[in-house]
Amino acid sequence: MKRNFLGAASLFALSLVVISGCDQVEKSAQQVLGTATESAKQAIDDTHKAAEQALSEATQGLIQPEKQEKEAEDNSDTKET
């Protein structure tokens, strides 16, 4: 009887250790994913800025990216009516 009790107690203690370890792994994974998401957003923003600069240099400043977006929106509004 005493042996069964010790076995059950040991199994319960081991289960608690594993569960708490899983929580720590989950938190770490969430932190890593958060960091990766922020890095990806920064890379996209940097790429966008570089593309705008390359477009501006290629057109020698004749076409402004912000003006293109506004013109595209205006054109789509007039086509819908």
N, C-alpha and C. Protein backbone atom coordinates (compact mmCIF):
# COMPACT_ATOMS: atom_id res chain seq x y z
N MET A 1 0.82 -1.19 0.00
CA MET A 1 0.00 0.00 0.00
C MET A 1 0.86 1.25 0.00
N LYS A 2 1.90 1.26 0.84
CA LYS A 2 2.78 2.40 0.93
C LYS A 2 3.51 2.61 -0.39
N ARG A 3 3.86 1.52 -1.05
CA ARG A 3 4.57 1.59 -2.32
C ARG A 3 3.67 2.22 -3.40
N ASN A 4 2.40 1.85 -3.44
CA ASN A 4 1.46 2.42 -4.40
C ASN A 4 1.27 3.91 -4.17
N PHE A 5 1.21 4.30 -2.89
CA PHE A 5 1.05 5.71 -2.56
C PHE A 5 2.26 6.52 -3.02
N LEU A 6 3.45 6.01 -2.78
CA LEU A 6 4.67 6.71 -3.20
C LEU A 6 4.74 6.80 -4.73
N GLY A 7 4.33 5.76 -5.40
CA GLY A 7 4.32 5.75 -6.86
C GLY A 7 3.33 6.78 -7.40
N ALA A 8 2.15 6.84 -6.81
CA ALA A 8 1.14 7.80 -7.25
C ALA A 8 1.59 9.23 -6.97
N ALA A 9 2.19 9.45 -5.81
CA ALA A 9 2.68 10.78 -5.45
C ALA A 9 3.80 11.21 -6.40
N SER A 10 4.68 10.27 -6.71
CA SER A 10 5.78 10.58 -7.63
C SER A 10 5.25 10.90 -9.03
N LEU A 11 4.26 10.15 -9.47
CA LEU A 11 3.66 10.39 -10.77
C LEU A 11 2.97 11.75 -10.81
N PHE A 12 2.29 12.10 -9.74
CA PHE A 12 1.62 13.40 -9.65
C PHE A 12 2.65 14.53 -9.67
N ALA A 13 3.72 14.40 -8.92
CA ALA A 13 4.76 15.42 -8.87
C ALA A 13 5.42 15.58 -10.24
N LEU A 14 5.69 14.47 -10.89
CA LEU A 14 6.30 14.51 -12.23
C LEU A 14 5.36 15.18 -13.22
N SER A 15 4.08 14.90 -13.11
CA SER A 15 3.09 15.54 -14.00
C SER A 15 3.08 17.05 -13.81
N LEU A 16 3.15 17.50 -12.57
CA LEU A 16 3.18 18.94 -12.30
C LEU A 16 4.43 19.60 -12.89
N VAL A 17 5.55 18.92 -12.79
CA VAL A 17 6.79 19.45 -13.34
C VAL A 17 6.69 19.56 -14.86
N VAL A 18 6.14 18.55 -15.50
CA VAL A 18 6.00 18.55 -16.96
C VAL A 18 5.03 19.65 -17.39
N ILE A 19 3.93 19.81 -16.69
CA ILE A 19 2.95 20.84 -17.04
C ILE A 19 3.55 22.23 -16.89
N SER A 20 4.27 22.47 -15.81
CA SER A 20 4.87 23.79 -15.63
C SER A 20 5.94 24.03 -16.68
N GLY A 21 6.64 23.00 -17.08
CA GLY A 21 7.62 23.12 -18.16
C GLY A 21 6.95 23.47 -19.48
N CYS A 22 5.78 22.89 -19.73
CA CYS A 22 5.04 23.17 -20.96
C CYS A 22 4.58 24.63 -21.00
N ASP A 23 4.18 25.16 -19.86
CA ASP A 23 3.78 26.57 -19.79
C ASP A 23 4.95 27.48 -20.13
N GLN A 24 6.12 27.14 -19.62
CA GLN A 24 7.31 27.95 -19.91
C GLN A 24 7.68 27.86 -21.38
N VAL A 25 7.56 26.68 -21.96
CA VAL A 25 7.85 26.51 -23.38
C VAL A 25 6.86 27.32 -24.21
N GLU A 26 5.60 27.31 -23.84
CA GLU A 26 4.58 28.07 -24.57
C GLU A 26 4.87 29.57 -24.49
N LYS A 27 5.22 30.06 -23.31
CA LYS A 27 5.54 31.48 -23.16
C LYS A 27 6.76 31.85 -24.00
N SER A 28 7.76 31.00 -23.99
CA SER A 28 8.97 31.26 -24.78
C SER A 28 8.65 31.27 -26.27
N ALA A 29 7.81 30.35 -26.69
CA ALA A 29 7.42 30.29 -28.10
C ALA A 29 6.65 31.54 -28.50
N GLN A 30 5.79 32.02 -27.64
CA GLN A 30 5.04 33.24 -27.92
C GLN A 30 5.98 34.44 -28.04
N GLN A 31 6.99 34.51 -27.18
CA GLN A 31 7.96 35.59 -27.25
C GLN A 31 8.75 35.54 -28.55
N VAL A 32 9.15 34.33 -28.94
CA VAL A 32 9.91 34.17 -30.18
C VAL A 32 9.05 34.57 -31.38
N LEU A 33 7.79 34.15 -31.38
CA LEU A 33 6.89 34.51 -32.47
C LEU A 33 6.64 36.02 -32.52
N GLY A 34 6.52 36.64 -31.36
CA GLY A 34 6.34 38.09 -31.30
C GLY A 34 7.55 38.81 -31.86
N THR A 35 8.73 38.36 -31.51
CA THR A 35 9.96 38.96 -32.03
C THR A 35 10.06 38.76 -33.53
N ALA A 36 9.73 37.57 -33.99
CA ALA A 36 9.79 37.29 -35.43
C ALA A 36 8.78 38.14 -36.19
N THR A 37 7.61 38.35 -35.62
CA THR A 37 6.59 39.18 -36.26
C THR A 37 7.07 40.62 -36.39
N GLU A 38 7.65 41.15 -35.32
CA GLU A 38 8.16 42.52 -35.36
C GLU A 38 9.30 42.65 -36.37
N SER A 39 10.16 41.65 -36.44
CA SER A 39 11.26 41.68 -37.42
C SER A 39 10.72 41.65 -38.84
N ALA A 40 9.70 40.84 -39.07
CA ALA A 40 9.10 40.76 -40.40
C ALA A 40 8.45 42.08 -40.78
N LYS A 41 7.74 42.71 -39.84
CA LYS A 41 7.11 44.00 -40.11
C LYS A 41 8.17 45.05 -40.46
N GLN A 42 9.28 45.04 -39.71
CA GLN A 42 10.34 46.00 -39.96
C GLN A 42 10.97 45.76 -41.33
N ALA A 43 11.15 44.49 -41.70
CA ALA A 43 11.72 44.17 -43.01
C ALA A 43 10.79 44.64 -44.13
N ILE A 44 9.50 44.46 -43.95
CA ILE A 44 8.53 44.91 -44.96
C ILE A 44 8.56 46.42 -45.09
N ASP A 45 8.59 47.12 -43.94
CA ASP A 45 8.65 48.59 -43.98
C ASP A 45 9.92 49.07 -44.66
N ASP A 46 11.05 48.44 -44.34
CA ASP A 46 12.32 48.83 -44.95
C ASP A 46 12.30 48.58 -46.46
N THR A 47 11.73 47.45 -46.86
CA THR A 47 11.64 47.13 -48.28
C THR A 47 10.75 48.12 -49.00
N HIS A 48 9.65 48.51 -48.38
CA HIS A 48 8.73 49.48 -48.96
C HIS A 48 9.43 50.83 -49.15
N LYS A 49 10.15 51.26 -48.14
CA LYS A 49 10.87 52.53 -48.24
C LYS A 49 11.93 52.47 -49.34
N ALA A 50 12.64 51.36 -49.43
CA ALA A 50 13.67 51.22 -50.45
C ALA A 50 13.05 51.21 -51.85
N ALA A 51 11.89 50.57 -51.99
CA ALA A 51 11.20 50.54 -53.28
C ALA A 51 10.73 51.94 -53.68
N GLU A 52 10.20 52.68 -52.72
CA GLU A 52 9.78 54.05 -53.01
C GLU A 52 10.96 54.91 -53.43
N GLN A 53 12.08 54.73 -52.75
CA GLN A 53 13.27 55.52 -53.08
C GLN A 53 13.79 55.13 -54.46
N ALA A 54 13.80 53.85 -54.76
CA ALA A 54 14.27 53.40 -56.08
C ALA A 54 13.35 53.92 -57.18
N LEU A 55 12.05 53.91 -56.95
CA LEU A 55 11.10 54.44 -57.92
C LEU A 55 11.32 55.93 -58.13
N SER A 56 11.53 56.64 -57.05
CA SER A 56 11.77 58.07 -57.14
C SER A 56 13.05 58.36 -57.92
N GLU A 57 14.09 57.60 -57.64
CA GLU A 57 15.35 57.80 -58.36
C GLU A 57 15.22 57.41 -59.83
N ALA A 58 14.49 56.36 -60.10
CA ALA A 58 14.34 55.90 -61.48
C ALA A 58 13.54 56.89 -62.32
N THR A 59 12.59 57.54 -61.70
CA THR A 59 11.78 58.51 -62.43
C THR A 59 12.32 59.92 -62.24
N GLN A 60 13.43 60.03 -61.56
CA GLN A 60 14.09 61.29 -61.27
C GLN A 60 13.14 62.27 -60.59
N GLY A 61 12.31 61.76 -59.72
CA GLY A 61 11.42 62.60 -58.95
C GLY A 61 10.20 63.09 -59.69
N LEU A 62 9.99 62.63 -60.93
CA LEU A 62 8.83 63.09 -61.69
C LEU A 62 7.53 62.53 -61.14
N ILE A 63 7.58 61.32 -60.61
CA ILE A 63 6.38 60.68 -60.06
C ILE A 63 6.62 60.45 -58.58
N GLN A 64 5.74 60.93 -57.77
CA GLN A 64 5.83 60.73 -56.34
C GLN A 64 4.94 59.55 -55.95
N PRO A 65 5.45 58.56 -55.19
CA PRO A 65 4.65 57.39 -54.83
C PRO A 65 3.34 57.74 -54.15
N GLU A 66 3.34 58.74 -53.28
CA GLU A 66 2.10 59.11 -52.59
C GLU A 66 1.09 59.68 -53.57
N LYS A 67 1.56 60.43 -54.56
CA LYS A 67 0.67 60.97 -55.56
C LYS A 67 0.08 59.85 -56.42
N GLN A 68 0.90 58.84 -56.71
CA GLN A 68 0.42 57.70 -57.51
C GLN A 68 -0.73 57.00 -56.79
N GLU A 69 -0.58 56.78 -55.49
CA GLU A 69 -1.63 56.11 -54.73
C GLU A 69 -2.91 56.94 -54.74
N LYS A 70 -2.78 58.26 -54.56
CA LYS A 70 -3.95 59.13 -54.55
C LYS A 70 -4.60 59.14 -55.92
N GLU A 71 -3.79 59.20 -56.99
CA GLU A 71 -4.34 59.18 -58.35
C GLU A 71 -5.05 57.86 -58.62
N ALA A 72 -4.47 56.76 -58.16
CA ALA A 72 -5.10 55.45 -58.36
C ALA A 72 -6.44 55.39 -57.65
N GLU A 73 -6.51 55.94 -56.44
CA GLU A 73 -7.77 55.97 -55.71
C GLU A 73 -8.80 56.85 -56.42
N ASP A 74 -8.34 58.00 -56.90
CA ASP A 74 -9.25 58.90 -57.61
C ASP A 74 -9.78 58.25 -58.88
N ASN A 75 -8.91 57.57 -59.61
CA ASN A 75 -9.31 56.90 -60.83
C ASN A 75 -10.30 55.77 -60.56
N SER A 76 -10.08 55.04 -59.48
CA SER A 76 -11.01 53.95 -59.17
C SER A 76 -12.37 54.51 -58.74
N ASP A 77 -12.37 55.67 -58.08
CA ASP A 77 -13.64 56.30 -57.68
C ASP A 77 -14.43 56.76 -58.91
N THR A 78 -13.76 57.31 -59.89
CA THR A 78 -14.46 57.81 -61.07
C THR A 78 -14.94 56.65 -61.94
N LYS A 79 -14.24 55.53 -61.93
CA LYS A 79 -14.66 54.37 -62.73
C LYS A 79 -15.89 53.71 -62.15
N GLU A 80 -16.06 53.77 -60.85
CA GLU A 80 -17.19 53.11 -60.20
C GLU A 80 -18.50 53.84 -60.46
N THR A 81 -18.44 55.13 -60.70
CA THR A 81 -19.69 55.90 -60.91
C THR A 81 -20.15 55.87 -62.32
